[in-house]
Amino acid sequence: MTNFIKYKNYLATINFSPEDEVFFGKIFGIDDVVTFEGTSVEEVKNAFHEAVDDYLITCQELNKKPQKSYKGTFNVRVPVTLHKEAAFIATQKSITLNEFIKAAIAYAVKHEGDIDFA
């Protein structure tokens, strides 16, 4: 089971270990590895909040950017037919394939709740 929680614009993955009877998590979207744990939902939430707050204080003390820096480029592998269809639509709209993909991602982010990602 994997779930997510948010605090101060930070997202964390939350997992449960039945063997250890503990919830554990990791902050997403930062360059460092920051983990936390708790034996109840309340404990793991509090541990996450404390981990974020401590991380932000440490970054400030070290004069370091707390957020992960994204370059804005990444490789995407898609089926050949999807690549072809996207290129056709981009051509018909007189835009580049890159512009089409940016628009598609922006749409998906804005309408994330309406999209079936299964």
C-alpha atoms as a PDB file:
ATOM      1  CA  MET A   1       0.000   0.000   0.000  1.00  0.00           C
ATOM      2  CA  THR A   2       1.381   3.415  -0.988  1.00  0.00           C
ATOM      3  CA  ASN A   3      -0.198   6.756  -0.218  1.00  0.00           C
ATOM      4  CA  PHE A   4       0.814  10.391  -0.290  1.00  0.00           C
ATOM      5  CA  ILE A   5       0.516  13.301   2.117  1.00  0.00           C
ATOM      6  CA  LYS A   6       1.233  16.994   1.619  1.00  0.00           C
ATOM      7  CA  TYR A   7       2.624  19.691   3.878  1.00  0.00           C
ATOM      8  CA  LYS A   8       4.001  23.150   2.983  1.00  0.00           C
ATOM      9  CA  ASN A   9       4.034  22.291  -0.742  1.00  0.00           C
ATOM     10  CA  TYR A  10       5.986  19.088  -0.074  1.00  0.00           C
ATOM     11  CA  LEU A  11       4.747  15.650  -1.005  1.00  0.00           C
ATOM     12  CA  ALA A  12       5.731  12.438   0.718  1.00  0.00           C
ATOM     13  CA  THR A  13       5.146   8.790  -0.041  1.00  0.00           C
ATOM     14  CA  ILE A  14       3.760   6.801   2.879  1.00  0.00           C
ATOM     15  CA  ASN A  15       4.103   3.039   3.136  1.00  0.00           C
ATOM     16  CA  PHE A  16       3.237   0.547   5.831  1.00  0.00           C
ATOM     17  CA  SER A  17       5.438  -2.332   6.953  1.00  0.00           C
ATOM     18  CA  PRO A  18       3.267  -5.071   8.474  1.00  0.00           C
ATOM     19  CA  GLU A  19       6.351  -6.907   9.725  1.00  0.00           C
ATOM     20  CA  ASP A  20       7.570  -3.882  11.710  1.00  0.00           C
ATOM     21  CA  GLU A  21       4.076  -2.453  12.301  1.00  0.00           C
ATOM     22  CA  VAL A  22       5.305   0.997  11.280  1.00  0.00           C
ATOM     23  CA  PHE A  23       4.402   3.619   8.714  1.00  0.00           C
ATOM     24  CA  PHE A  24       7.400   5.097   6.916  1.00  0.00           C
ATOM     25  CA  GLY A  25       7.823   7.780   4.342  1.00  0.00           C
ATOM     26  CA  LYS A  26      10.166   9.795   2.179  1.00  0.00           C
ATOM     27  CA  ILE A  27       9.922  13.401   1.013  1.00  0.00           C
ATOM     28  CA  PHE A  28       9.520  13.692  -2.758  1.00  0.00           C
ATOM     29  CA  GLY A  29      10.885  16.487  -4.946  1.00  0.00           C
ATOM     30  CA  ILE A  30      14.110  17.285  -3.128  1.00  0.00           C
ATOM     31  CA  ASP A  31      17.705  16.419  -3.941  1.00  0.00           C
ATOM     32  CA  ASP A  32      18.373  15.018  -0.458  1.00  0.00           C
ATOM     33  CA  VAL A  33      17.021  11.851   1.119  1.00  0.00           C
ATOM     34  CA  VAL A  34      14.743  12.698   4.040  1.00  0.00           C
ATOM     35  CA  THR A  35      12.765   9.893   5.638  1.00  0.00           C
ATOM     36  CA  PHE A  36      10.447   9.634   8.643  1.00  0.00           C
ATOM     37  CA  GLU A  37       8.299   7.046  10.408  1.00  0.00           C
ATOM     38  CA  GLY A  38       5.588   6.512  12.985  1.00  0.00           C
ATOM     39  CA  THR A  39       3.478   3.755  14.463  1.00  0.00           C
ATOM     40  CA  SER A  40       0.156   5.518  13.836  1.00  0.00           C
ATOM     41  CA  VAL A  41      -1.322   7.822  11.222  1.00  0.00           C
ATOM     42  CA  GLU A  42      -1.015  10.765  13.604  1.00  0.00           C
ATOM     43  CA  GLU A  43       2.604   9.894  14.424  1.00  0.00           C
ATOM     44  CA  VAL A  44       3.658   9.572  10.786  1.00  0.00           C
ATOM     45  CA  LYS A  45       1.938  12.872   9.898  1.00  0.00           C
ATOM     46  CA  ASN A  46       3.681  14.644  12.760  1.00  0.00           C
ATOM     47  CA  ALA A  47       7.001  13.046  11.816  1.00  0.00           C
ATOM     48  CA  PHE A  48       6.542  14.230   8.222  1.00  0.00           C
ATOM     49  CA  HIS A  49       5.771  17.783   9.330  1.00  0.00           C
ATOM     50  CA  GLU A  50       8.811  17.746  11.612  1.00  0.00           C
ATOM     51  CA  ALA A  51      11.009  16.326   8.831  1.00  0.00           C
ATOM     52  CA  VAL A  52       9.935  19.083   6.415  1.00  0.00           C
ATOM     53  CA  ASP A  53      10.421  21.814   9.014  1.00  0.00           C
ATOM     54  CA  ASP A  54      13.855  20.464   9.994  1.00  0.00           C
ATOM     55  CA  TYR A  55      14.837  20.127   6.345  1.00  0.00           C
ATOM     56  CA  LEU A  56      13.871  23.731   5.606  1.00  0.00           C
ATOM     57  CA  ILE A  57      15.808  25.000   8.633  1.00  0.00           C
ATOM     58  CA  THR A  58      18.866  22.964   7.633  1.00  0.00           C
ATOM     59  CA  CYS A  59      18.697  24.261   4.061  1.00  0.00           C
ATOM     60  CA  GLN A  60      18.459  27.826   5.338  1.00  0.00           C
ATOM     61  CA  GLU A  61      21.453  27.297   7.642  1.00  0.00           C
ATOM     62  CA  LEU A  62      23.463  25.839   4.743  1.00  0.00           C
ATOM     63  CA  ASN A  63      22.264  28.542   2.321  1.00  0.00           C
ATOM     64  CA  LYS A  64      20.946  25.759   0.064  1.00  0.00           C
ATOM     65  CA  LYS A  65      17.898  25.629  -2.218  1.00  0.00           C
ATOM     66  CA  PRO A  66      15.446  23.181  -0.633  1.00  0.00           C
ATOM     67  CA  GLN A  67      13.522  22.247  -3.773  1.00  0.00           C
ATOM     68  CA  LYS A  68      14.820  19.812  -6.352  1.00  0.00           C
ATOM     69  CA  SER A  69      15.894  21.617  -9.468  1.00  0.00           C
ATOM     70  CA  TYR A  70      14.237  20.243 -12.561  1.00  0.00           C
ATOM     71  CA  LYS A  71      15.884  20.861 -15.930  1.00  0.00           C
ATOM     72  CA  GLY A  72      12.671  20.867 -17.927  1.00  0.00           C
ATOM     73  CA  THR A  73      13.886  18.133 -20.247  1.00  0.00           C
ATOM     74  CA  PHE A  74      13.258  14.418 -20.115  1.00  0.00           C
ATOM     75  CA  ASN A  75      12.933  11.488 -22.482  1.00  0.00           C
ATOM     76  CA  VAL A  76       9.538   9.961 -23.076  1.00  0.00           C
ATOM     77  CA  ARG A  77       9.070   6.611 -24.758  1.00  0.00           C
ATOM     78  CA  VAL A  78       5.720   6.049 -26.435  1.00  0.00           C
ATOM     79  CA  PRO A  79       4.371   3.515 -28.903  1.00  0.00           C
ATOM     80  CA  VAL A  80       5.158   4.293 -32.551  1.00  0.00           C
ATOM     81  CA  THR A  81       1.488   4.817 -33.408  1.00  0.00           C
ATOM     82  CA  LEU A  82       1.036   7.359 -30.596  1.00  0.00           C
ATOM     83  CA  HIS A  83       4.182   9.204 -31.724  1.00  0.00           C
ATOM     84  CA  LYS A  84       2.837   9.331 -35.276  1.00  0.00           C
ATOM     85  CA  GLU A  85      -0.632  10.502 -34.207  1.00  0.00           C
ATOM     86  CA  ALA A  86       0.844  13.251 -31.998  1.00  0.00           C
ATOM     87  CA  ALA A  87       3.119  14.401 -34.820  1.00  0.00           C
ATOM     88  CA  PHE A  88       0.147  14.525 -37.218  1.00  0.00           C
ATOM     89  CA  ILE A  89      -1.914  16.625 -34.789  1.00  0.00           C
ATOM     90  CA  ALA A  90       1.026  18.961 -34.153  1.00  0.00           C
ATOM     91  CA  THR A  91       1.503  19.422 -37.891  1.00  0.00           C
ATOM     92  CA  GLN A  92      -2.198  20.129 -38.401  1.00  0.00           C
ATOM     93  CA  LYS A  93      -2.073  22.745 -35.618  1.00  0.00           C
ATOM     94  CA  SER A  94       1.112  24.283 -37.098  1.00  0.00           C
ATOM     95  CA  ILE A  95       3.047  23.676 -33.898  1.00  0.00           C
ATOM     96  CA  THR A  96       6.082  21.586 -33.066  1.00  0.00           C
ATOM     97  CA  LEU A  97       5.764  18.155 -31.503  1.00  0.00           C
ATOM     98  CA  ASN A  98       7.462  19.620 -28.420  1.00  0.00           C
ATOM     99  CA  GLU A  99       4.766  22.325 -28.154  1.00  0.00           C
ATOM    100  CA  PHE A 100       2.078  19.661 -28.541  1.00  0.00           C
ATOM    101  CA  ILE A 101       3.581  17.536 -25.750  1.00  0.00           C
ATOM    102  CA  LYS A 102       3.890  20.577 -23.454  1.00  0.00           C
ATOM    103  CA  ALA A 103       0.202  21.377 -24.043  1.00  0.00           C
ATOM    104  CA  ALA A 104      -0.784  17.754 -23.423  1.00  0.00           C
ATOM    105  CA  ILE A 105       1.163  17.622 -20.160  1.00  0.00           C
ATOM    106  CA  ALA A 106      -0.272  20.979 -19.036  1.00  0.00           C
ATOM    107  CA  TYR A 107      -3.773  19.693 -19.786  1.00  0.00           C
ATOM    108  CA  ALA A 108      -3.128  16.450 -17.889  1.00  0.00           C
ATOM    109  CA  VAL A 109      -1.783  18.326 -14.869  1.00  0.00           C
ATOM    110  CA  LYS A 110      -4.769  20.698 -14.831  1.00  0.00           C
ATOM    111  CA  HIS A 111      -7.306  17.867 -15.325  1.00  0.00           C
ATOM    112  CA  GLU A 112      -5.495  15.147 -13.375  1.00  0.00           C
ATOM    113  CA  GLY A 113      -8.675  14.114 -11.542  1.00  0.00           C
ATOM    114  CA  ASP A 114     -10.518  13.517 -14.818  1.00  0.00           C
ATOM    115  CA  ILE A 115      -7.911  11.268 -16.441  1.00  0.00           C
ATOM    116  CA  ASP A 116      -7.855   7.491 -16.058  1.00  0.00           C
ATOM    117  CA  PHE A 117      -4.161   6.649 -15.670  1.00  0.00           C
ATOM    118  CA  ALA A 118      -4.772   2.902 -15.484  1.00  0.00           C
END
